[in-house]
Amino acid sequence: MHDIKIKICGLTNLKDIYSICKLNINSIGFIFYKKSPRYINIKLAIKLSKIIPPFINIVALFVNEKKKKIIKILNNLPISIIQFHGNESIKFCNKISKILKKPFIKVMHIKNNTKFKDILKYKNKLKKNLFFRGLLLDTFNKNYGGSGKSFNINIIKKNSSKFIISGGINLSNIKNIIKKIRPYAIDISSSIEKYIRKKNINKIRKLIKIVKNK
């Protein structure tokens, strides 16, 4: 049975990163989408990235951003993975990854009428690209995430494939998500906050204990 990976997204301050990096997490996410309340600019991202220890991935999240802007930001940051969280085409994602020589993960926004066969079809298209590393499933939202709402996980077949699950994950439903589908990883942000832009470290500790079963 695989060890479920944990990504904490929407980090915005040094204190949170200091605390979170001491915990059993795998990745930290920086959001470069200006409409997000957890958006950070290049200057702050550089400052924050300097205190992240080795072997914790830095993930840079973009939503329908222009190629030049993405390249400009990532040429100045030691990121591990690019997260395309908008409606970017597969061709666009692969092109950026080739230029920067960085792997990418791609979101699929899950709607009420989404079928499991649709998810598999999209993932199979992505798998043809050398730099593709994972498909992230998030609840459809016109603001591209951060709503704290879950999608119907019953459409995912347990252990049928490895997915990164996001959208409305919290302490009350994480056990059920693990039991139902045991995802490759979870991506969590808004439900582990004291308030916007400030994480609740105690909630994160509790969530990690459940996910890692320790």
C-alpha atoms as a PDB file:
ATOM      1  CA  MET A   1       0.000   0.000   0.000  1.00  0.00           C
ATOM      2  CA  HIS A   2       1.510   3.305  -1.094  1.00  0.00           C
ATOM      3  CA  ASP A   3       2.253   6.259   1.151  1.00  0.00           C
ATOM      4  CA  ILE A   4      -0.173   9.055   0.230  1.00  0.00           C
ATOM      5  CA  LYS A   5       1.664  12.259  -0.640  1.00  0.00           C
ATOM      6  CA  ILE A   6       0.594  15.600   0.830  1.00  0.00           C
ATOM      7  CA  LYS A   7       0.769  19.004  -0.841  1.00  0.00           C
ATOM      8  CA  ILE A   8      -0.022  22.111   1.169  1.00  0.00           C
ATOM      9  CA  CYS A   9      -0.990  24.884  -1.224  1.00  0.00           C
ATOM     10  CA  GLY A  10      -1.401  28.638  -0.982  1.00  0.00           C
ATOM     11  CA  LEU A  11       1.575  29.431   1.275  1.00  0.00           C
ATOM     12  CA  THR A  12       2.107  33.166   1.718  1.00  0.00           C
ATOM     13  CA  ASN A  13       4.327  33.770   4.755  1.00  0.00           C
ATOM     14  CA  LEU A  14       7.621  32.704   6.344  1.00  0.00           C
ATOM     15  CA  LYS A  15       6.147  31.603   9.681  1.00  0.00           C
ATOM     16  CA  ASP A  16       3.796  29.072   8.081  1.00  0.00           C
ATOM     17  CA  ILE A  17       6.548  27.643   5.905  1.00  0.00           C
ATOM     18  CA  TYR A  18       8.922  27.267   8.858  1.00  0.00           C
ATOM     19  CA  SER A  19       6.276  25.303  10.749  1.00  0.00           C
ATOM     20  CA  ILE A  20       4.972  23.230   7.833  1.00  0.00           C
ATOM     21  CA  CYS A  21       8.421  22.181   6.626  1.00  0.00           C
ATOM     22  CA  LYS A  22       8.990  20.481   9.988  1.00  0.00           C
ATOM     23  CA  LEU A  23       6.020  18.215   9.324  1.00  0.00           C
ATOM     24  CA  ASN A  24       5.677  15.094   7.178  1.00  0.00           C
ATOM     25  CA  ILE A  25       4.615  16.796   3.961  1.00  0.00           C
ATOM     26  CA  ASN A  26       5.910  16.365   0.408  1.00  0.00           C
ATOM     27  CA  SER A  27       5.172  19.588  -1.452  1.00  0.00           C
ATOM     28  CA  ILE A  28       4.455  23.261  -0.940  1.00  0.00           C
ATOM     29  CA  GLY A  29       2.418  25.256  -3.445  1.00  0.00           C
ATOM     30  CA  PHE A  30       2.828  28.904  -4.467  1.00  0.00           C
ATOM     31  CA  ILE A  31      -0.106  30.486  -6.282  1.00  0.00           C
ATOM     32  CA  PHE A  32       0.672  32.915  -9.123  1.00  0.00           C
ATOM     33  CA  TYR A  33      -2.957  33.607 -10.019  1.00  0.00           C
ATOM     34  CA  LYS A  34      -3.764  37.235  -9.247  1.00  0.00           C
ATOM     35  CA  LYS A  35      -7.456  36.604  -8.642  1.00  0.00           C
ATOM     36  CA  SER A  36      -6.674  34.149  -5.861  1.00  0.00           C
ATOM     37  CA  PRO A  37      -6.712  35.530  -2.297  1.00  0.00           C
ATOM     38  CA  ARG A  38      -3.543  33.466  -1.773  1.00  0.00           C
ATOM     39  CA  TYR A  39      -1.641  35.019  -4.665  1.00  0.00           C
ATOM     40  CA  ILE A  40       2.035  35.900  -4.176  1.00  0.00           C
ATOM     41  CA  ASN A  41       4.381  37.841  -6.452  1.00  0.00           C
ATOM     42  CA  ILE A  42       7.879  36.868  -7.627  1.00  0.00           C
ATOM     43  CA  LYS A  43       9.643  38.896  -4.941  1.00  0.00           C
ATOM     44  CA  LEU A  44       7.801  37.165  -2.097  1.00  0.00           C
ATOM     45  CA  ALA A  45       8.097  33.737  -3.754  1.00  0.00           C
ATOM     46  CA  ILE A  46      11.894  34.100  -3.947  1.00  0.00           C
ATOM     47  CA  LYS A  47      12.019  35.074  -0.266  1.00  0.00           C
ATOM     48  CA  LEU A  48       9.845  32.133   0.788  1.00  0.00           C
ATOM     49  CA  SER A  49      11.610  29.576  -1.388  1.00  0.00           C
ATOM     50  CA  LYS A  50      14.964  30.280   0.281  1.00  0.00           C
ATOM     51  CA  ILE A  51      13.872  28.669   3.549  1.00  0.00           C
ATOM     52  CA  ILE A  52      12.368  25.499   2.051  1.00  0.00           C
ATOM     53  CA  PRO A  53      14.663  22.548   2.816  1.00  0.00           C
ATOM     54  CA  PRO A  54      15.803  19.927   0.273  1.00  0.00           C
ATOM     55  CA  PHE A  55      13.448  17.090  -0.683  1.00  0.00           C
ATOM     56  CA  ILE A  56      10.319  19.207  -0.264  1.00  0.00           C
ATOM     57  CA  ASN A  57       8.965  20.050  -3.700  1.00  0.00           C
ATOM     58  CA  ILE A  58       8.039  23.602  -4.615  1.00  0.00           C
ATOM     59  CA  VAL A  59       5.014  23.647  -6.919  1.00  0.00           C
ATOM     60  CA  ALA A  60       4.166  26.777  -8.917  1.00  0.00           C
ATOM     61  CA  LEU A  61       0.461  27.128  -9.727  1.00  0.00           C
ATOM     62  CA  PHE A  62      -0.758  29.098 -12.743  1.00  0.00           C
ATOM     63  CA  VAL A  63      -4.229  29.701 -14.162  1.00  0.00           C
ATOM     64  CA  ASN A  64      -4.461  30.529 -17.868  1.00  0.00           C
ATOM     65  CA  GLU A  65      -1.299  32.626 -17.633  1.00  0.00           C
ATOM     66  CA  LYS A  66       0.652  33.868 -20.650  1.00  0.00           C
ATOM     67  CA  LYS A  67       3.752  31.957 -21.699  1.00  0.00           C
ATOM     68  CA  LYS A  68       6.143  34.885 -21.235  1.00  0.00           C
ATOM     69  CA  LYS A  69       4.923  35.555 -17.702  1.00  0.00           C
ATOM     70  CA  ILE A  70       5.280  31.912 -16.646  1.00  0.00           C
ATOM     71  CA  ILE A  71       8.803  31.698 -18.049  1.00  0.00           C
ATOM     72  CA  LYS A  72       9.803  34.991 -16.417  1.00  0.00           C
ATOM     73  CA  ILE A  73       8.601  33.835 -12.997  1.00  0.00           C
ATOM     74  CA  LEU A  74      10.037  30.346 -13.136  1.00  0.00           C
ATOM     75  CA  ASN A  75      13.434  31.431 -14.441  1.00  0.00           C
ATOM     76  CA  ASN A  76      13.840  33.138 -11.073  1.00  0.00           C
ATOM     77  CA  LEU A  77      12.610  30.335  -8.821  1.00  0.00           C
ATOM     78  CA  PRO A  78      13.936  26.874  -7.831  1.00  0.00           C
ATOM     79  CA  ILE A  79      10.609  25.174  -8.473  1.00  0.00           C
ATOM     80  CA  SER A  80      10.206  21.411  -8.829  1.00  0.00           C
ATOM     81  CA  ILE A  81       6.871  21.117 -10.627  1.00  0.00           C
ATOM     82  CA  ILE A  82       4.546  23.376 -12.629  1.00  0.00           C
ATOM     83  CA  GLN A  83       0.835  23.113 -11.860  1.00  0.00           C
ATOM     84  CA  PHE A  84      -1.470  24.209 -14.675  1.00  0.00           C
ATOM     85  CA  HIS A  85      -4.773  24.856 -12.925  1.00  0.00           C
ATOM     86  CA  GLY A  86      -6.820  26.536 -15.631  1.00  0.00           C
ATOM     87  CA  ASN A  87      -8.083  25.642 -19.088  1.00  0.00           C
ATOM     88  CA  GLU A  88      -4.619  25.395 -20.639  1.00  0.00           C
ATOM     89  CA  SER A  89      -4.311  23.045 -23.593  1.00  0.00           C
ATOM     90  CA  ILE A  90      -2.154  19.938 -23.281  1.00  0.00           C
ATOM     91  CA  LYS A  91       0.024  21.311 -26.075  1.00  0.00           C
ATOM     92  CA  PHE A  92       0.586  24.554 -24.143  1.00  0.00           C
ATOM     93  CA  CYS A  93       1.503  22.710 -20.924  1.00  0.00           C
ATOM     94  CA  ASN A  94       3.991  20.474 -22.664  1.00  0.00           C
ATOM     95  CA  LYS A  95       5.542  23.389 -24.561  1.00  0.00           C
ATOM     96  CA  ILE A  96       6.201  25.371 -21.370  1.00  0.00           C
ATOM     97  CA  SER A  97       7.604  22.307 -19.622  1.00  0.00           C
ATOM     98  CA  LYS A  98       9.968  21.618 -22.499  1.00  0.00           C
ATOM     99  CA  ILE A  99      11.264  25.185 -22.492  1.00  0.00           C
ATOM    100  CA  LEU A 100      11.837  25.183 -18.732  1.00  0.00           C
ATOM    101  CA  LYS A 101      12.748  21.495 -18.521  1.00  0.00           C
ATOM    102  CA  LYS A 102      10.346  21.079 -15.610  1.00  0.00           C
ATOM    103  CA  PRO A 103       7.628  18.423 -15.152  1.00  0.00           C
ATOM    104  CA  PHE A 104       3.994  19.453 -14.867  1.00  0.00           C
ATOM    105  CA  ILE A 105       0.743  18.363 -13.318  1.00  0.00           C
ATOM    106  CA  LYS A 106      -2.588  19.326 -14.884  1.00  0.00           C
ATOM    107  CA  VAL A 107      -5.935  19.959 -13.295  1.00  0.00           C
ATOM    108  CA  MET A 108      -9.227  18.508 -14.466  1.00  0.00           C
ATOM    109  CA  HIS A 109     -12.229  20.384 -13.102  1.00  0.00           C
ATOM    110  CA  ILE A 110     -14.862  17.865 -12.031  1.00  0.00           C
ATOM    111  CA  LYS A 111     -18.492  18.755 -12.692  1.00  0.00           C
ATOM    112  CA  ASN A 112     -21.690  16.998 -11.608  1.00  0.00           C
ATOM    113  CA  ASN A 113     -21.956  15.252 -14.972  1.00  0.00           C
ATOM    114  CA  THR A 114     -18.290  14.192 -15.232  1.00  0.00           C
ATOM    115  CA  LYS A 115     -17.872  10.454 -15.805  1.00  0.00           C
ATOM    116  CA  PHE A 116     -14.913   8.314 -14.787  1.00  0.00           C
ATOM    117  CA  LYS A 117     -14.341   7.393 -18.425  1.00  0.00           C
ATOM    118  CA  ASP A 118     -13.908  11.129 -19.194  1.00  0.00           C
ATOM    119  CA  ILE A 119     -11.191  11.360 -16.545  1.00  0.00           C
ATOM    120  CA  LEU A 120      -9.344   8.337 -17.892  1.00  0.00           C
ATOM    121  CA  LYS A 121      -9.612   9.604 -21.462  1.00  0.00           C
ATOM    122  CA  TYR A 122      -8.090  12.951 -20.512  1.00  0.00           C
ATOM    123  CA  LYS A 123      -5.340  11.329 -18.475  1.00  0.00           C
ATOM    124  CA  ASN A 124      -4.408   9.026 -21.354  1.00  0.00           C
ATOM    125  CA  LYS A 125      -3.967  12.069 -23.601  1.00  0.00           C
ATOM    126  CA  LEU A 126      -1.721  13.702 -21.018  1.00  0.00           C
ATOM    127  CA  LYS A 127       0.379  10.564 -20.555  1.00  0.00           C
ATOM    128  CA  LYS A 128       1.681  10.893 -24.103  1.00  0.00           C
ATOM    129  CA  ASN A 129       3.731  13.898 -22.982  1.00  0.00           C
ATOM    130  CA  LEU A 130       7.198  13.323 -21.539  1.00  0.00           C
ATOM    131  CA  PHE A 131       6.928  16.054 -18.889  1.00  0.00           C
ATOM    132  CA  PHE A 132       3.488  15.059 -17.555  1.00  0.00           C
ATOM    133  CA  ARG A 133       3.608  13.774 -13.963  1.00  0.00           C
ATOM    134  CA  GLY A 134       0.071  13.684 -12.643  1.00  0.00           C
ATOM    135  CA  LEU A 135      -3.604  14.548 -13.052  1.00  0.00           C
ATOM    136  CA  LEU A 136      -5.139  16.654 -10.281  1.00  0.00           C
ATOM    137  CA  LEU A 137      -8.894  16.403  -9.809  1.00  0.00           C
ATOM    138  CA  ASP A 138     -10.561  19.494  -8.370  1.00  0.00           C
ATOM    139  CA  THR A 139     -14.170  20.607  -7.974  1.00  0.00           C
ATOM    140  CA  PHE A 140     -15.364  22.781 -10.850  1.00  0.00           C
ATOM    141  CA  ASN A 141     -15.498  26.421  -9.808  1.00  0.00           C
ATOM    142  CA  LYS A 142     -15.630  29.505 -11.991  1.00  0.00           C
ATOM    143  CA  ASN A 143     -12.838  31.005  -9.866  1.00  0.00           C
ATOM    144  CA  TYR A 144     -10.602  27.936 -10.419  1.00  0.00           C
ATOM    145  CA  GLY A 145     -10.483  26.391  -6.962  1.00  0.00           C
ATOM    146  CA  GLY A 146     -10.278  27.626  -3.403  1.00  0.00           C
ATOM    147  CA  SER A 147     -14.013  27.161  -2.850  1.00  0.00           C
ATOM    148  CA  GLY A 148     -13.633  24.484  -0.181  1.00  0.00           C
ATOM    149  CA  LYS A 149     -16.267  22.387  -1.977  1.00  0.00           C
ATOM    150  CA  SER A 150     -15.891  18.668  -2.677  1.00  0.00           C
ATOM    151  CA  PHE A 151     -16.852  16.733  -5.783  1.00  0.00           C
ATOM    152  CA  ASN A 152     -18.522  13.326  -5.763  1.00  0.00           C
ATOM    153  CA  ILE A 153     -15.604  10.970  -5.131  1.00  0.00           C
ATOM    154  CA  ASN A 154     -17.855   7.981  -5.821  1.00  0.00           C
ATOM    155  CA  ILE A 155     -17.196   8.471  -9.534  1.00  0.00           C
ATOM    156  CA  ILE A 156     -13.545   7.442  -8.943  1.00  0.00           C
ATOM    157  CA  LYS A 157     -12.840   3.737  -8.909  1.00  0.00           C
ATOM    158  CA  LYS A 158     -10.599   2.655  -6.052  1.00  0.00           C
ATOM    159  CA  ASN A 159      -7.012   1.961  -7.058  1.00  0.00           C
ATOM    160  CA  SER A 160      -7.980   2.057 -10.740  1.00  0.00           C
ATOM    161  CA  SER A 161      -5.447   4.790 -11.335  1.00  0.00           C
ATOM    162  CA  LYS A 162      -3.349   7.266  -9.378  1.00  0.00           C
ATOM    163  CA  PHE A 163      -4.769  10.744  -8.976  1.00  0.00           C
ATOM    164  CA  ILE A 164      -4.048  13.873  -6.973  1.00  0.00           C
ATOM    165  CA  ILE A 165      -7.274  14.821  -5.198  1.00  0.00           C
ATOM    166  CA  SER A 166      -8.195  18.395  -4.292  1.00  0.00           C
ATOM    167  CA  GLY A 167     -11.303  20.389  -3.505  1.00  0.00           C
ATOM    168  CA  GLY A 168     -12.986  20.494  -0.111  1.00  0.00           C
ATOM    169  CA  ILE A 169     -10.675  18.052   1.645  1.00  0.00           C
ATOM    170  CA  ASN A 170     -10.911  18.443   5.418  1.00  0.00           C
ATOM    171  CA  LEU A 171     -10.609  16.567   8.711  1.00  0.00           C
ATOM    172  CA  SER A 172     -14.187  15.298   8.513  1.00  0.00           C
ATOM    173  CA  ASN A 173     -13.975  13.682   5.063  1.00  0.00           C
ATOM    174  CA  ILE A 174     -10.334  12.672   4.582  1.00  0.00           C
ATOM    175  CA  LYS A 175     -10.819   9.194   6.095  1.00  0.00           C
ATOM    176  CA  ASN A 176     -13.639   8.497   3.658  1.00  0.00           C
ATOM    177  CA  ILE A 177     -11.559   9.722   0.693  1.00  0.00           C
ATOM    178  CA  ILE A 178      -8.713   7.399   1.659  1.00  0.00           C
ATOM    179  CA  LYS A 179     -11.086   4.470   2.198  1.00  0.00           C
ATOM    180  CA  LYS A 180     -12.957   5.037  -1.054  1.00  0.00           C
ATOM    181  CA  ILE A 181     -10.145   5.700  -3.526  1.00  0.00           C
ATOM    182  CA  ARG A 182      -6.766   5.902  -1.772  1.00  0.00           C
ATOM    183  CA  PRO A 183      -5.393   8.654  -4.050  1.00  0.00           C
ATOM    184  CA  TYR A 184      -1.745   9.048  -4.954  1.00  0.00           C
ATOM    185  CA  ALA A 185      -1.760  12.451  -3.260  1.00  0.00           C
ATOM    186  CA  ILE A 186      -3.977  15.109  -1.723  1.00  0.00           C
ATOM    187  CA  ASP A 187      -3.732  18.847  -2.373  1.00  0.00           C
ATOM    188  CA  ILE A 188      -5.194  20.989   0.390  1.00  0.00           C
ATOM    189  CA  SER A 189      -5.389  24.700   1.142  1.00  0.00           C
ATOM    190  CA  SER A 190      -8.478  26.594   2.361  1.00  0.00           C
ATOM    191  CA  SER A 191      -9.785  24.054   4.913  1.00  0.00           C
ATOM    192  CA  ILE A 192      -6.528  24.156   6.896  1.00  0.00           C
ATOM    193  CA  GLU A 193      -6.515  27.913   7.410  1.00  0.00           C
ATOM    194  CA  LYS A 194      -7.166  30.013  10.495  1.00  0.00           C
ATOM    195  CA  TYR A 195      -8.127  32.699   8.035  1.00  0.00           C
ATOM    196  CA  ILE A 196      -7.165  33.523   4.436  1.00  0.00           C
ATOM    197  CA  ARG A 197      -3.375  33.550   3.950  1.00  0.00           C
ATOM    198  CA  LYS A 198      -2.724  32.033   7.404  1.00  0.00           C
ATOM    199  CA  LYS A 199      -2.528  28.259   7.913  1.00  0.00           C
ATOM    200  CA  ASN A 200      -3.734  26.377  10.986  1.00  0.00           C
ATOM    201  CA  ILE A 201      -0.732  24.225  11.925  1.00  0.00           C
ATOM    202  CA  ASN A 202      -2.702  22.112  14.414  1.00  0.00           C
ATOM    203  CA  LYS A 203      -5.232  21.186  11.727  1.00  0.00           C
ATOM    204  CA  ILE A 204      -2.401  20.277   9.375  1.00  0.00           C
ATOM    205  CA  ARG A 205      -0.816  18.049  12.032  1.00  0.00           C
ATOM    206  CA  LYS A 206      -4.118  16.234  12.585  1.00  0.00           C
ATOM    207  CA  LEU A 207      -4.664  15.782   8.859  1.00  0.00           C
ATOM    208  CA  ILE A 208      -1.144  14.410   8.351  1.00  0.00           C
ATOM    209  CA  LYS A 209      -1.659  11.930  11.198  1.00  0.00           C
ATOM    210  CA  ILE A 210      -4.798  10.602   9.504  1.00  0.00           C
ATOM    211  CA  VAL A 211      -3.297  10.475   6.001  1.00  0.00           C
ATOM    212  CA  LYS A 212      -0.025   8.879   7.044  1.00  0.00           C
ATOM    213  CA  ASN A 213      -1.841   6.642   9.540  1.00  0.00           C
ATOM    214  CA  LYS A 214       0.649   7.445  12.305  1.00  0.00           C
END
